[in-house]
Amino acid sequence: MPPVETFVLGGLLFVLIVITGVFGKLWLQSRNSYPTQEAQLTLSNIHHISEVAS
């Protein structure tokens, strides 16, 4: 495998891990500090905002 492809795949994997870690941390924080319903509302608001933005 050429080095360029290795770097691209490694970069994508790294980005995925970072995103998963950040969202996992946020999800754990919201789950600990808010009731489940409020956390779900927050998630649906974020989803709605991202749909509007795109």
C-alpha atoms as a PDB file:
ATOM      1  CA  MET A   1       0.000   0.000   0.000  1.00  0.00           C
ATOM      2  CA  PRO A   2       1.432   3.429  -0.919  1.00  0.00           C
ATOM      3  CA  PRO A   3       2.334   5.746   1.978  1.00  0.00           C
ATOM      4  CA  VAL A   4      -0.245   8.352   0.857  1.00  0.00           C
ATOM      5  CA  GLU A   5      -3.138   5.904   1.207  1.00  0.00           C
ATOM      6  CA  THR A   6      -1.821   4.820   4.597  1.00  0.00           C
ATOM      7  CA  PHE A   7      -1.785   8.445   5.784  1.00  0.00           C
ATOM      8  CA  VAL A   8      -5.298   9.073   4.444  1.00  0.00           C
ATOM      9  CA  LEU A   9      -6.715   5.941   6.087  1.00  0.00           C
ATOM     10  CA  GLY A  10      -4.879   6.703   9.328  1.00  0.00           C
ATOM     11  CA  GLY A  11      -6.178  10.269   9.283  1.00  0.00           C
ATOM     12  CA  LEU A  12      -9.764   9.168   8.699  1.00  0.00           C
ATOM     13  CA  LEU A  13      -9.501   6.610  11.494  1.00  0.00           C
ATOM     14  CA  PHE A  14      -8.046   9.230  13.842  1.00  0.00           C
ATOM     15  CA  VAL A  15     -10.844  11.702  13.019  1.00  0.00           C
ATOM     16  CA  LEU A  16     -13.481   9.016  13.594  1.00  0.00           C
ATOM     17  CA  ILE A  17     -11.953   8.126  16.975  1.00  0.00           C
ATOM     18  CA  VAL A  18     -11.816  11.790  18.033  1.00  0.00           C
ATOM     19  CA  ILE A  19     -15.424  12.442  16.959  1.00  0.00           C
ATOM     20  CA  THR A  20     -16.610   9.276  18.715  1.00  0.00           C
ATOM     21  CA  GLY A  21     -14.718  10.270  21.859  1.00  0.00           C
ATOM     22  CA  VAL A  22     -16.106  13.815  21.898  1.00  0.00           C
ATOM     23  CA  PHE A  23     -19.701  12.733  21.282  1.00  0.00           C
ATOM     24  CA  GLY A  24     -19.348   9.894  23.797  1.00  0.00           C
ATOM     25  CA  LYS A  25     -18.084  12.319  26.435  1.00  0.00           C
ATOM     26  CA  LEU A  26     -20.866  14.830  25.721  1.00  0.00           C
ATOM     27  CA  TRP A  27     -23.450  12.028  25.796  1.00  0.00           C
ATOM     28  CA  LEU A  28     -22.170  10.769  29.148  1.00  0.00           C
ATOM     29  CA  GLN A  29     -22.167  14.294  30.606  1.00  0.00           C
ATOM     30  CA  SER A  30     -25.705  15.022  29.397  1.00  0.00           C
ATOM     31  CA  ARG A  31     -26.879  11.607  30.613  1.00  0.00           C
ATOM     32  CA  ASN A  32     -25.424  12.269  34.066  1.00  0.00           C
ATOM     33  CA  SER A  33     -26.627  15.854  34.515  1.00  0.00           C
ATOM     34  CA  TYR A  34     -30.005  15.864  32.714  1.00  0.00           C
ATOM     35  CA  PRO A  35     -33.041  13.601  32.648  1.00  0.00           C
ATOM     36  CA  THR A  36     -33.125  11.272  29.641  1.00  0.00           C
ATOM     37  CA  GLN A  37     -35.952  13.184  27.949  1.00  0.00           C
ATOM     38  CA  GLU A  38     -34.069  16.486  28.086  1.00  0.00           C
ATOM     39  CA  ALA A  39     -30.937  14.853  26.667  1.00  0.00           C
ATOM     40  CA  GLN A  40     -32.993  13.431  23.800  1.00  0.00           C
ATOM     41  CA  LEU A  41     -34.495  16.877  23.124  1.00  0.00           C
ATOM     42  CA  THR A  42     -30.994  18.365  22.991  1.00  0.00           C
ATOM     43  CA  LEU A  43     -29.873  15.675  20.537  1.00  0.00           C
ATOM     44  CA  SER A  44     -32.912  16.237  18.301  1.00  0.00           C
ATOM     45  CA  ASN A  45     -32.277  20.004  18.361  1.00  0.00           C
ATOM     46  CA  ILE A  46     -28.653  19.454  17.285  1.00  0.00           C
ATOM     47  CA  HIS A  47     -29.860  17.121  14.519  1.00  0.00           C
ATOM     48  CA  HIS A  48     -32.407  19.717  13.365  1.00  0.00           C
ATOM     49  CA  ILE A  49     -29.810  22.519  13.366  1.00  0.00           C
ATOM     50  CA  SER A  50     -27.368  20.396  11.354  1.00  0.00           C
ATOM     51  CA  GLU A  51     -30.120  19.623   8.825  1.00  0.00           C
ATOM     52  CA  VAL A  52     -30.942  23.327   8.446  1.00  0.00           C
ATOM     53  CA  ALA A  53     -27.258  24.224   8.090  1.00  0.00           C
ATOM     54  CA  SER A  54     -26.608  21.717   5.319  1.00  0.00           C
END
